[in-house]
C-alpha atoms as a PDB file:
ATOM      1  CA  MET A   1      19.759   2.470  49.979  1.00  0.00           C
ATOM      2  CA  VAL A   2      16.951   3.739  52.233  1.00  0.00           C
ATOM      3  CA  ASP A   3      15.969   7.323  51.456  1.00  0.00           C
ATOM      4  CA  TYR A   4      13.979   7.973  54.645  1.00  0.00           C
ATOM      5  CA  GLU A   5      14.624   8.655  58.308  1.00  0.00           C
ATOM      6  CA  PHE A   6      12.286   6.875  60.700  1.00  0.00           C
ATOM      7  CA  ASN A   7      11.009   8.475  63.889  1.00  0.00           C
ATOM      8  CA  SER A   8       8.939   5.809  65.638  1.00  0.00           C
ATOM      9  CA  LEU A   9      10.292   3.018  67.825  1.00  0.00           C
ATOM     10  CA  LEU A  10       9.561   0.715  64.887  1.00  0.00           C
ATOM     11  CA  GLY A  11      12.101   2.637  62.825  1.00  0.00           C
ATOM     12  CA  PRO A  12      15.025   0.205  63.120  1.00  0.00           C
ATOM     13  CA  PHE A  13      12.817  -2.692  62.019  1.00  0.00           C
ATOM     14  CA  ILE A  14      11.406  -0.751  59.072  1.00  0.00           C
ATOM     15  CA  ASP A  15      14.863   0.356  57.973  1.00  0.00           C
ATOM     16  CA  ALA A  16      16.262  -3.194  58.172  1.00  0.00           C
ATOM     17  CA  PHE A  17      13.234  -4.646  56.390  1.00  0.00           C
ATOM     18  CA  ILE A  18      13.539  -2.236  53.457  1.00  0.00           C
ATOM     19  CA  ARG A  19      17.268  -2.899  53.201  1.00  0.00           C
ATOM     20  CA  GLN A  20      16.599  -6.644  53.110  1.00  0.00           C
ATOM     21  CA  LYS A  21      14.103  -6.212  50.271  1.00  0.00           C
ATOM     22  CA  GLN A  22      16.502  -4.055  48.281  1.00  0.00           C
ATOM     23  CA  ALA A  23      19.391  -6.446  48.894  1.00  0.00           C
ATOM     24  CA  SER A  24      17.208  -9.204  47.437  1.00  0.00           C
ATOM     25  CA  GLY A  25      16.992  -7.262  44.185  1.00  0.00           C
ATOM     26  CA  TYR A  26      13.693  -5.429  44.630  1.00  0.00           C
ATOM     27  CA  PRO A  27      13.555  -1.641  44.186  1.00  0.00           C
ATOM     28  CA  TYR A  28      10.889  -1.437  46.922  1.00  0.00           C
ATOM     29  CA  LYS A  29      10.390   2.279  46.325  1.00  0.00           C
ATOM     30  CA  SER A  30       6.615   2.623  46.574  1.00  0.00           C
ATOM     31  CA  SER A  31       6.398   0.278  49.545  1.00  0.00           C
ATOM     32  CA  ALA A  32       9.250   2.107  51.287  1.00  0.00           C
ATOM     33  CA  ARG A  33       7.325   5.348  50.901  1.00  0.00           C
ATOM     34  CA  ILE A  34       4.225   3.719  52.403  1.00  0.00           C
ATOM     35  CA  LEU A  35       6.230   2.387  55.346  1.00  0.00           C
ATOM     36  CA  HIS A  36       7.677   5.855  55.862  1.00  0.00           C
ATOM     37  CA  HIS A  37       4.134   7.209  56.246  1.00  0.00           C
ATOM     38  CA  PHE A  38       3.277   4.282  58.531  1.00  0.00           C
ATOM     39  CA  ASP A  39       6.282   5.203  60.667  1.00  0.00           C
ATOM     40  CA  LEU A  40       5.111   8.820  60.894  1.00  0.00           C
ATOM     41  CA  HIS A  41       1.640   7.617  61.858  1.00  0.00           C
ATOM     42  CA  ALA A  42       3.059   5.314  64.542  1.00  0.00           C
ATOM     43  CA  ALA A  43       5.309   8.046  65.931  1.00  0.00           C
ATOM     44  CA  ASP A  44       2.367  10.441  66.154  1.00  0.00           C
ATOM     45  CA  LYS A  45      -0.357   8.138  67.497  1.00  0.00           C
ATOM     46  CA  PHE A  46       1.601   5.355  69.214  1.00  0.00           C
ATOM     47  CA  PRO A  47       4.902   6.912  70.332  1.00  0.00           C
ATOM     48  CA  GLU A  48       5.529   4.346  73.090  1.00  0.00           C
ATOM     49  CA  GLU A  49       4.896   1.192  71.075  1.00  0.00           C
ATOM     50  CA  THR A  50       7.923  -0.938  70.255  1.00  0.00           C
ATOM     51  CA  THR A  51       6.064  -3.399  68.024  1.00  0.00           C
ATOM     52  CA  ILE A  52       3.098  -3.464  65.668  1.00  0.00           C
ATOM     53  CA  THR A  53      -0.188  -3.798  67.545  1.00  0.00           C
ATOM     54  CA  ARG A  54      -3.758  -4.526  66.510  1.00  0.00           C
ATOM     55  CA  GLU A  55      -4.777  -1.006  67.532  1.00  0.00           C
ATOM     56  CA  MET A  56      -1.998   0.523  65.472  1.00  0.00           C
ATOM     57  CA  CYS A  57      -3.064  -1.413  62.381  1.00  0.00           C
ATOM     58  CA  ALA A  58      -6.738  -0.566  62.890  1.00  0.00           C
ATOM     59  CA  SER A  59      -5.835   3.103  63.096  1.00  0.00           C
ATOM     60  CA  TRP A  60      -3.753   2.781  59.913  1.00  0.00           C
ATOM     61  CA  ILE A  61      -6.499   0.952  58.024  1.00  0.00           C
ATOM     62  CA  TYR A  62      -9.168   3.526  58.906  1.00  0.00           C
ATOM     63  CA  LEU A  63      -6.892   6.504  58.340  1.00  0.00           C
ATOM     64  CA  LYS A  64      -8.737   7.209  55.070  1.00  0.00           C
ATOM     65  CA  PRO A  65     -12.396   6.204  55.559  1.00  0.00           C
ATOM     66  CA  ASP A  66     -13.476   6.777  51.939  1.00  0.00           C
ATOM     67  CA  GLU A  67     -10.427   5.143  50.351  1.00  0.00           C
ATOM     68  CA  HIS A  68     -10.855   2.866  47.331  1.00  0.00           C
ATOM     69  CA  PRO A  69     -10.243  -0.825  48.220  1.00  0.00           C
ATOM     70  CA  ASN A  70      -7.337  -1.013  45.785  1.00  0.00           C
ATOM     71  CA  GLY A  71      -5.680   1.982  47.425  1.00  0.00           C
ATOM     72  CA  LEU A  72      -6.158   0.398  50.847  1.00  0.00           C
ATOM     73  CA  LEU A  73      -4.599  -2.813  49.576  1.00  0.00           C
ATOM     74  CA  ARG A  74      -1.501  -0.889  48.485  1.00  0.00           C
ATOM     75  CA  ARG A  75      -1.231   0.703  51.957  1.00  0.00           C
ATOM     76  CA  VAL A  76      -1.890  -2.509  53.878  1.00  0.00           C
ATOM     77  CA  THR A  77       0.389  -4.942  52.060  1.00  0.00           C
ATOM     78  CA  PRO A  78       3.799  -3.489  53.108  1.00  0.00           C
ATOM     79  CA  VAL A  79       2.625  -3.213  56.734  1.00  0.00           C
ATOM     80  CA  ARG A  80       1.467  -6.834  56.635  1.00  0.00           C
ATOM     81  CA  GLN A  81       4.867  -7.854  55.256  1.00  0.00           C
ATOM     82  CA  LEU A  82       6.629  -5.843  57.943  1.00  0.00           C
ATOM     83  CA  GLY A  83       4.642  -7.656  60.643  1.00  0.00           C
ATOM     84  CA  LYS A  84       5.657 -11.035  59.232  1.00  0.00           C
ATOM     85  CA  TYR A  85       9.280  -9.903  59.066  1.00  0.00           C
ATOM     86  CA  MET A  86       9.235  -8.808  62.712  1.00  0.00           C
ATOM     87  CA  ASN A  87       7.632 -12.095  63.780  1.00  0.00           C
ATOM     88  CA  GLY A  88      10.431 -13.899  61.962  1.00  0.00           C
ATOM     89  CA  LEU A  89      12.883 -12.009  64.156  1.00  0.00           C
ATOM     90  CA  GLY A  90      11.092 -13.218  67.278  1.00  0.00           C
ATOM     91  CA  CYS A  91       9.045 -10.066  67.925  1.00  0.00           C
ATOM     92  CA  ASP A  92       5.396 -10.354  68.878  1.00  0.00           C
ATOM     93  CA  ALA A  93       4.085  -8.178  66.050  1.00  0.00           C
ATOM     94  CA  TYR A  94       0.487  -8.080  64.865  1.00  0.00           C
ATOM     95  CA  VAL A  95       0.021  -9.180  61.247  1.00  0.00           C
ATOM     96  CA  ILE A  96      -2.906  -7.700  59.327  1.00  0.00           C
ATOM     97  CA  PRO A  97      -5.079 -10.649  58.156  1.00  0.00           C
ATOM     98  CA  GLY A  98      -4.940 -11.568  54.498  1.00  0.00           C
ATOM     99  CA  HIS A  99      -8.636 -10.844  53.929  1.00  0.00           C
ATOM    100  CA  VAL A 100      -8.110  -7.112  54.623  1.00  0.00           C
ATOM    101  CA  PRO A 101      -9.351  -5.426  52.516  1.00  0.00           C
ATOM    102  CA  ASP A 102     -12.264  -7.784  51.911  1.00  0.00           C
ATOM    103  CA  LYS A 103     -12.058  -7.662  48.143  1.00  0.00           C
ATOM    104  CA  GLN A 104      -9.884  -5.974  45.588  1.00  0.00           C
ATOM    105  CA  VAL A 105     -11.983  -4.294  42.938  1.00  0.00           C
ATOM    106  CA  LYS A 106     -11.357  -5.718  39.490  1.00  0.00           C
ATOM    107  CA  TYR A 107     -10.970  -3.027  36.846  1.00  0.00           C
ATOM    108  CA  GLU A 108     -12.448  -4.012  33.524  1.00  0.00           C
ATOM    109  CA  ALA A 109      -9.979  -3.164  30.772  1.00  0.00           C
ATOM    110  CA  HIS A 110     -10.883  -0.887  27.902  1.00  0.00           C
ATOM    111  CA  ILE A 111      -9.622  -2.347  24.640  1.00  0.00           C
ATOM    112  CA  TYR A 112      -9.110   0.502  22.195  1.00  0.00           C
ATOM    113  CA  THR A 113     -10.720   0.266  18.784  1.00  0.00           C
ATOM    114  CA  ASP A 114      -8.752   1.084  15.652  1.00  0.00           C
ATOM    115  CA  ALA A 115     -10.671   4.349  15.357  1.00  0.00           C
ATOM    116  CA  GLU A 116      -9.840   5.326  18.933  1.00  0.00           C
ATOM    117  CA  LEU A 117      -6.159   4.539  18.460  1.00  0.00           C
ATOM    118  CA  LYS A 118      -6.015   6.501  15.219  1.00  0.00           C
ATOM    119  CA  ALA A 119      -7.688   9.521  16.841  1.00  0.00           C
ATOM    120  CA  PHE A 120      -5.448   9.445  19.899  1.00  0.00           C
ATOM    121  CA  PHE A 121      -2.164   9.096  18.024  1.00  0.00           C
ATOM    122  CA  ASN A 122      -3.204  11.787  15.594  1.00  0.00           C
ATOM    123  CA  ALA A 123      -3.875  14.094  18.553  1.00  0.00           C
ATOM    124  CA  ILE A 124      -0.518  13.511  20.240  1.00  0.00           C
ATOM    125  CA  ASP A 125       1.302  13.913  16.927  1.00  0.00           C
ATOM    126  CA  HIS A 126       0.105  17.521  17.043  1.00  0.00           C
ATOM    127  CA  CYS A 127       1.363  18.077  20.579  1.00  0.00           C
ATOM    128  CA  PRO A 128       2.091  21.800  20.961  1.00  0.00           C
ATOM    129  CA  ALA A 129       5.486  23.034  22.069  1.00  0.00           C
ATOM    130  CA  SER A 130       5.862  24.143  25.673  1.00  0.00           C
ATOM    131  CA  PRO A 131       8.318  26.790  26.909  1.00  0.00           C
ATOM    132  CA  PHE A 132       8.367  25.021  30.288  1.00  0.00           C
ATOM    133  CA  SER A 133       9.132  21.563  28.916  1.00  0.00           C
ATOM    134  CA  PRO A 134      10.917  21.662  25.545  1.00  0.00           C
ATOM    135  CA  THR A 135      11.225  17.875  25.282  1.00  0.00           C
ATOM    136  CA  ARG A 136       7.551  16.936  25.808  1.00  0.00           C
ATOM    137  CA  LYS A 137       6.606  17.773  22.207  1.00  0.00           C
ATOM    138  CA  TYR A 138       8.942  14.998  21.061  1.00  0.00           C
ATOM    139  CA  VAL A 139       8.582  12.600  23.997  1.00  0.00           C
ATOM    140  CA  ILE A 140       4.786  12.295  24.028  1.00  0.00           C
ATOM    141  CA  PRO A 141       4.255  10.914  20.480  1.00  0.00           C
ATOM    142  CA  VAL A 142       7.006   8.327  20.959  1.00  0.00           C
ATOM    143  CA  ILE A 143       6.482   7.121  24.523  1.00  0.00           C
ATOM    144  CA  PHE A 144       2.823   6.284  23.884  1.00  0.00           C
ATOM    145  CA  ARG A 145       3.784   4.355  20.751  1.00  0.00           C
ATOM    146  CA  VAL A 146       6.295   2.374  22.802  1.00  0.00           C
ATOM    147  CA  LEU A 147       3.620   1.677  25.422  1.00  0.00           C
ATOM    148  CA  TYR A 148       1.135   0.367  22.882  1.00  0.00           C
ATOM    149  CA  CYS A 149       3.422  -1.315  20.354  1.00  0.00           C
ATOM    150  CA  CYS A 150       5.589  -3.053  22.966  1.00  0.00           C
ATOM    151  CA  GLY A 151       3.033  -3.660  25.730  1.00  0.00           C
ATOM    152  CA  LEU A 152       5.159  -1.977  28.386  1.00  0.00           C
ATOM    153  CA  ARG A 153       3.946  -0.704  31.730  1.00  0.00           C
ATOM    154  CA  SER A 154       4.099   3.097  31.946  1.00  0.00           C
ATOM    155  CA  SER A 155       6.776   2.960  34.665  1.00  0.00           C
ATOM    156  CA  GLU A 156       8.910   0.678  32.508  1.00  0.00           C
ATOM    157  CA  ALA A 157       8.809   3.060  29.558  1.00  0.00           C
ATOM    158  CA  ARG A 158       9.284   6.181  31.682  1.00  0.00           C
ATOM    159  CA  LEU A 159      12.424   4.806  33.347  1.00  0.00           C
ATOM    160  CA  LEU A 160      14.129   3.506  30.219  1.00  0.00           C
ATOM    161  CA  LYS A 161      17.741   4.611  29.893  1.00  0.00           C
ATOM    162  CA  LYS A 162      19.293   5.491  26.563  1.00  0.00           C
ATOM    163  CA  GLU A 163      21.573   2.477  26.930  1.00  0.00           C
ATOM    164  CA  ASP A 164      18.531   0.209  27.347  1.00  0.00           C
ATOM    165  CA  ILE A 165      17.484   0.715  23.723  1.00  0.00           C
ATOM    166  CA  ASP A 166      19.579  -0.709  20.913  1.00  0.00           C
ATOM    167  CA  LEU A 167      18.757   1.492  17.932  1.00  0.00           C
ATOM    168  CA  GLU A 168      20.520  -0.921  15.593  1.00  0.00           C
ATOM    169  CA  THR A 169      18.482  -4.032  16.402  1.00  0.00           C
ATOM    170  CA  GLY A 170      15.393  -2.621  18.133  1.00  0.00           C
ATOM    171  CA  LYS A 171      16.119  -4.547  21.332  1.00  0.00           C
ATOM    172  CA  ILE A 172      14.729  -2.978  24.528  1.00  0.00           C
ATOM    173  CA  THR A 173      16.100  -4.118  27.877  1.00  0.00           C
ATOM    174  CA  VAL A 174      13.449  -3.543  30.532  1.00  0.00           C
ATOM    175  CA  ARG A 175      15.184  -3.252  33.893  1.00  0.00           C
ATOM    176  CA  GLU A 176      12.762  -1.270  36.078  1.00  0.00           C
ATOM    177  CA  SER A 177      10.047  -3.924  35.923  1.00  0.00           C
ATOM    178  CA  LYS A 178       7.246  -5.054  38.229  1.00  0.00           C
ATOM    179  CA  GLY A 179       8.690  -7.580  40.662  1.00  0.00           C
ATOM    180  CA  TRP A 180      12.156  -6.458  39.522  1.00  0.00           C
ATOM    181  CA  LYS A 181      12.165  -9.085  36.782  1.00  0.00           C
ATOM    182  CA  ALA A 182      14.277  -7.787  33.910  1.00  0.00           C
ATOM    183  CA  ARG A 183      13.366  -8.872  30.391  1.00  0.00           C
ATOM    184  CA  ILE A 184      14.073  -8.119  26.739  1.00  0.00           C
ATOM    185  CA  VAL A 185      11.485  -7.070  24.148  1.00  0.00           C
ATOM    186  CA  TYR A 186      11.877  -6.054  20.511  1.00  0.00           C
ATOM    187  CA  MET A 187      10.195  -3.209  18.688  1.00  0.00           C
ATOM    188  CA  SER A 188       8.892  -3.408  15.130  1.00  0.00           C
ATOM    189  CA  ALA A 189      10.824  -1.951  12.200  1.00  0.00           C
ATOM    190  CA  ASP A 190       8.552   1.075  11.838  1.00  0.00           C
ATOM    191  CA  LEU A 191       8.686   1.874  15.556  1.00  0.00           C
ATOM    192  CA  LEU A 192      12.464   1.490  15.454  1.00  0.00           C
ATOM    193  CA  GLU A 193      12.649   4.102  12.699  1.00  0.00           C
ATOM    194  CA  VAL A 194      10.508   6.456  14.780  1.00  0.00           C
ATOM    195  CA  CYS A 195      12.799   5.960  17.785  1.00  0.00           C
ATOM    196  CA  ARG A 196      15.926   6.592  15.700  1.00  0.00           C
ATOM    197  CA  GLU A 197      14.567   9.894  14.445  1.00  0.00           C
ATOM    198  CA  TYR A 198      13.426  10.836  17.954  1.00  0.00           C
ATOM    199  CA  ASP A 199      16.801   9.948  19.471  1.00  0.00           C
ATOM    200  CA  SER A 200      18.585  12.141  16.952  1.00  0.00           C
ATOM    201  CA  ILE A 201      16.462  15.111  18.016  1.00  0.00           C
ATOM    202  CA  MET A 202      17.037  14.402  21.716  1.00  0.00           C
ATOM    203  CA  GLU A 203      20.782  14.128  21.228  1.00  0.00           C
ATOM    204  CA  SER A 204      20.861  17.568  19.650  1.00  0.00           C
ATOM    205  CA  MET A 205      18.873  18.993  22.570  1.00  0.00           C
ATOM    206  CA  LEU A 206      20.458  17.054  25.451  1.00  0.00           C
ATOM    207  CA  PRO A 207      23.732  15.459  24.342  1.00  0.00           C
ATOM    208  CA  GLY A 208      24.900  12.670  26.619  1.00  0.00           C
ATOM    209  CA  ARG A 209      21.538  12.298  28.367  1.00  0.00           C
ATOM    210  CA  GLN A 210      20.864   9.221  30.501  1.00  0.00           C
ATOM    211  CA  ALA A 211      17.065   8.966  30.192  1.00  0.00           C
ATOM    212  CA  PHE A 212      15.661   7.862  26.850  1.00  0.00           C
ATOM    213  CA  PHE A 213      12.565   9.983  27.557  1.00  0.00           C
ATOM    214  CA  PRO A 214      14.123  12.985  29.335  1.00  0.00           C
ATOM    215  CA  ASN A 215      12.517  16.009  30.922  1.00  0.00           C
ATOM    216  CA  LYS A 216      14.009  19.459  30.368  1.00  0.00           C
ATOM    217  CA  ASP A 217      16.837  18.638  32.798  1.00  0.00           C
ATOM    218  CA  GLY A 218      17.729  15.368  31.093  1.00  0.00           C
ATOM    219  CA  SER A 219      16.325  13.310  33.965  1.00  0.00           C
ATOM    220  CA  TYR A 220      13.200  11.158  34.210  1.00  0.00           C
ATOM    221  CA  TYR A 221       9.663  12.486  34.200  1.00  0.00           C
ATOM    222  CA  SER A 222       7.635  12.068  37.378  1.00  0.00           C
ATOM    223  CA  LYS A 223       5.410   9.077  38.038  1.00  0.00           C
ATOM    224  CA  SER A 224       2.118  10.869  37.354  1.00  0.00           C
ATOM    225  CA  VAL A 225       3.061  12.718  34.178  1.00  0.00           C
ATOM    226  CA  ILE A 226       2.101   9.999  31.671  1.00  0.00           C
ATOM    227  CA  ASP A 227      -1.427   9.833  33.084  1.00  0.00           C
ATOM    228  CA  CYS A 228      -1.664  13.623  32.865  1.00  0.00           C
ATOM    229  CA  TRP A 229      -0.519  13.579  29.250  1.00  0.00           C
ATOM    230  CA  PHE A 230      -2.972  10.828  28.396  1.00  0.00           C
ATOM    231  CA  HIS A 231      -5.982  12.716  29.747  1.00  0.00           C
ATOM    232  CA  GLU A 232      -4.772  15.981  28.225  1.00  0.00           C
ATOM    233  CA  PHE A 233      -5.271  14.498  24.760  1.00  0.00           C
ATOM    234  CA  TRP A 234      -7.705  11.598  25.188  1.00  0.00           C
ATOM    235  CA  ASP A 235     -10.390  13.437  27.161  1.00  0.00           C
ATOM    236  CA  LYS A 236     -10.894  15.988  24.364  1.00  0.00           C
ATOM    237  CA  LEU A 237     -11.621  13.370  21.693  1.00  0.00           C
ATOM    238  CA  PRO A 238     -15.173  12.622  20.509  1.00  0.00           C
ATOM    239  CA  GLU A 239     -14.202   8.948  20.701  1.00  0.00           C
ATOM    240  CA  ALA A 240     -13.489   9.290  24.420  1.00  0.00           C
ATOM    241  CA  ARG A 241     -16.903  10.772  25.123  1.00  0.00           C
ATOM    242  CA  ALA A 242     -18.524   7.821  23.375  1.00  0.00           C
ATOM    243  CA  VAL A 243     -16.889   5.243  25.681  1.00  0.00           C
ATOM    244  CA  THR A 244     -19.285   3.560  28.106  1.00  0.00           C
ATOM    245  CA  GLY A 245     -18.396   1.701  31.296  1.00  0.00           C
ATOM    246  CA  ASN A 246     -15.033   2.206  32.957  1.00  0.00           C
ATOM    247  CA  PRO A 247     -13.027   5.129  31.569  1.00  0.00           C
ATOM    248  CA  ALA A 248      -9.981   4.349  29.464  1.00  0.00           C
ATOM    249  CA  ARG A 249      -6.557   4.368  31.132  1.00  0.00           C
ATOM    250  CA  VAL A 250      -2.918   4.390  30.071  1.00  0.00           C
ATOM    251  CA  HIS A 251      -2.547   0.816  31.345  1.00  0.00           C
ATOM    252  CA  ASP A 252      -5.189  -0.277  28.855  1.00  0.00           C
ATOM    253  CA  PHE A 253      -2.652   0.187  26.048  1.00  0.00           C
ATOM    254  CA  ARG A 254      -0.809  -2.757  27.574  1.00  0.00           C
ATOM    255  CA  HIS A 255      -4.006  -4.790  27.788  1.00  0.00           C
ATOM    256  CA  GLY A 256      -4.768  -3.894  24.185  1.00  0.00           C
ATOM    257  CA  TYR A 257      -1.348  -5.045  23.018  1.00  0.00           C
ATOM    258  CA  ALA A 258      -1.815  -8.504  24.538  1.00  0.00           C
ATOM    259  CA  VAL A 259      -5.392  -8.905  23.330  1.00  0.00           C
ATOM    260  CA  HIS A 260      -4.599  -7.845  19.759  1.00  0.00           C
ATOM    261  CA  ARG A 261      -1.546 -10.116  19.705  1.00  0.00           C
ATOM    262  CA  LEU A 262      -3.574 -13.148  20.823  1.00  0.00           C
ATOM    263  CA  ASN A 263      -6.309 -12.296  18.358  1.00  0.00           C
ATOM    264  CA  GLN A 264      -3.793 -12.026  15.534  1.00  0.00           C
ATOM    265  CA  TRP A 265      -2.330 -15.440  16.388  1.00  0.00           C
ATOM    266  CA  VAL A 266      -5.793 -16.990  16.341  1.00  0.00           C
ATOM    267  CA  LYS A 267      -6.549 -15.403  12.964  1.00  0.00           C
ATOM    268  CA  GLU A 268      -3.273 -16.750  11.593  1.00  0.00           C
ATOM    269  CA  GLY A 269      -4.038 -20.239  12.881  1.00  0.00           C
ATOM    270  CA  GLN A 270      -0.973 -20.244  15.130  1.00  0.00           C
ATOM    271  CA  ASP A 271      -0.500 -22.783  17.925  1.00  0.00           C
ATOM    272  CA  ILE A 272      -1.529 -20.692  20.950  1.00  0.00           C
ATOM    273  CA  ASN A 273      -0.321 -23.372  23.369  1.00  0.00           C
ATOM    274  CA  ALA A 274       3.181 -23.115  21.934  1.00  0.00           C
ATOM    275  CA  LEU A 275       3.261 -19.316  21.759  1.00  0.00           C
ATOM    276  CA  TYR A 276       1.539 -18.612  25.077  1.00  0.00           C
ATOM    277  CA  PRO A 277       4.673 -18.947  27.274  1.00  0.00           C
ATOM    278  CA  TYR A 278       6.490 -16.471  25.037  1.00  0.00           C
ATOM    279  CA  LEU A 279       3.733 -13.902  25.467  1.00  0.00           C
ATOM    280  CA  SER A 280       3.830 -14.394  29.234  1.00  0.00           C
ATOM    281  CA  GLU A 281       7.587 -13.836  29.277  1.00  0.00           C
ATOM    282  CA  TYR A 282       7.323 -10.856  26.905  1.00  0.00           C
ATOM    283  CA  MET A 283       4.744  -9.195  29.168  1.00  0.00           C
ATOM    284  CA  GLY A 284       6.969  -9.716  32.216  1.00  0.00           C
ATOM    285  CA  HIS A 285       4.480 -11.899  34.085  1.00  0.00           C
ATOM    286  CA  SER A 286       5.738 -14.019  36.966  1.00  0.00           C
ATOM    287  CA  ASN A 287       3.138 -16.719  36.298  1.00  0.00           C
ATOM    288  CA  TYR A 288       0.708 -17.788  33.576  1.00  0.00           C
ATOM    289  CA  ALA A 289      -2.302 -16.734  35.670  1.00  0.00           C
ATOM    290  CA  ASP A 290      -1.610 -13.078  34.870  1.00  0.00           C
ATOM    291  CA  THR A 291      -1.394 -13.817  31.160  1.00  0.00           C
ATOM    292  CA  ASP A 292      -4.528 -15.954  31.281  1.00  0.00           C
ATOM    293  CA  TYR A 293      -6.508 -12.795  32.039  1.00  0.00           C
ATOM    294  CA  TYR A 294      -5.976 -11.734  28.432  1.00  0.00           C
ATOM    295  CA  LEU A 295      -7.560 -14.916  27.114  1.00  0.00           C
ATOM    296  CA  SER A 296     -10.838 -13.862  28.727  1.00  0.00           C
ATOM    297  CA  LEU A 297     -10.490 -10.399  27.192  1.00  0.00           C
ATOM    298  CA  VAL A 298     -10.005 -11.867  23.720  1.00  0.00           C
ATOM    299  CA  GLU A 299     -13.290 -13.725  24.183  1.00  0.00           C
ATOM    300  CA  ASP A 300     -15.011 -10.548  25.352  1.00  0.00           C
ATOM    301  CA  PHE A 301     -13.827  -8.376  22.477  1.00  0.00           C
ATOM    302  CA  TYR A 302     -13.651 -11.012  19.744  1.00  0.00           C
ATOM    303  CA  PRO A 303     -16.611 -13.368  20.403  1.00  0.00           C
ATOM    304  CA  GLU A 304     -15.930 -15.357  17.236  1.00  0.00           C
ATOM    305  CA  MET A 305     -12.716 -16.601  18.879  1.00  0.00           C
ATOM    306  CA  GLU A 306     -14.423 -18.092  21.947  1.00  0.00           C
ATOM    307  CA  GLN A 307     -14.685 -21.649  20.707  1.00  0.00           C
ATOM    308  CA  ARG A 308     -11.122 -21.792  19.444  1.00  0.00           C
ATOM    309  CA  LEU A 309      -9.707 -20.361  22.678  1.00  0.00           C
ATOM    310  CA  SER A 310     -11.746 -22.418  25.148  1.00  0.00           C
ATOM    311  CA  SER A 311      -9.539 -25.486  24.771  1.00  0.00           C
ATOM    312  CA  VAL A 312      -6.432 -23.342  25.201  1.00  0.00           C
ATOM    313  CA  LYS A 313      -7.709 -21.940  28.505  1.00  0.00           C
ATOM    314  CA  ASP A 314      -8.596 -25.391  29.824  1.00  0.00           C
ATOM    315  CA  GLU A 315      -5.186 -26.752  28.944  1.00  0.00           C
ATOM    316  CA  ILE A 316      -3.137 -23.872  30.364  1.00  0.00           C
ATOM    317  CA  LEU A 317      -5.026 -22.713  33.443  1.00  0.00           C
ATOM    318  CA  PRO A 318      -8.592 -23.352  34.584  1.00  0.00           C
ATOM    319  CA  GLU A 319      -8.908 -20.072  36.484  1.00  0.00           C
ATOM    320  CA  VAL A 320      -8.608 -16.506  35.262  1.00  0.00           C
ATOM    321  CA  HIS A 321      -6.911 -13.908  37.442  1.00  0.00           C
ATOM    322  CA  HIS A 322      -6.574 -10.180  36.890  1.00  0.00           C
ATOM    323  CA  GLU A 323      -3.149  -8.620  36.657  1.00  0.00           C
ATOM    324  CA  GLU A 324      -2.694  -5.680  38.993  1.00  0.00           C
ATOM    325  CA  GLU A 325      -1.285  -2.501  37.513  1.00  0.00           C
END
């Protein structure tokens, strides 16, 4: 289902393209929103154009002169895909070259120390009540534990339904996943107990809710709220002010989960080659290259593991790629 009306002469193509993506099983929500803005831009600046032109794409690319390369990449990719789709239909549409933008900026992950984790979770456990959002006091301590302990992406945790979590077995069915690849993960016994207690409180406040982490209306929190919560508590900590390099992010909880898991396996003398595919599947990666990024992080943060992991990297994948958020 397409939630937008399109005003440019490209509208019918954009609408059909989004429908095709969704029919293939992709949510295509963020990209649909970007194409909606591209349509508005085309209608305003190129009202007579019936196809994508070089000039139209140049205008779109330079719409935000000071934009971060990663932000530009997110705006360019759906338009590039649309051009390819239109060419496949026999239209003479311009396709933005693959080297635009020139280079995506790699974000170096921050791997939280035990002291940082302890300070952060202690802070959110004392989350004050809010008259504007009665559920946040209970949601915040649990959703961040799910993010860290299960290695979920923030969008995956935010969009969990009550039916997605089996409070008997600890099984979590992740449906709203990157690339629309559903998967199953399991929480630990202590996290399961926390979730059971939390769910009991939520049921008394919002009986019959759909969202596992509901806002005051029983629906899902907005996309940006988890980042806001994170900075509300993290930025005030002495540990945060001591961090050098790139600032810590919510997504780094996911990086930390994978790195600590690999490190634990190495300490236990486990066969990393045998367990590696399971970690890749657990993290919801579409290929091993994304998981291989964490091998380099283990070396960075646990130098004593470098020699033992080098043979694993050579055997699995020779190159290391960074997983986009």
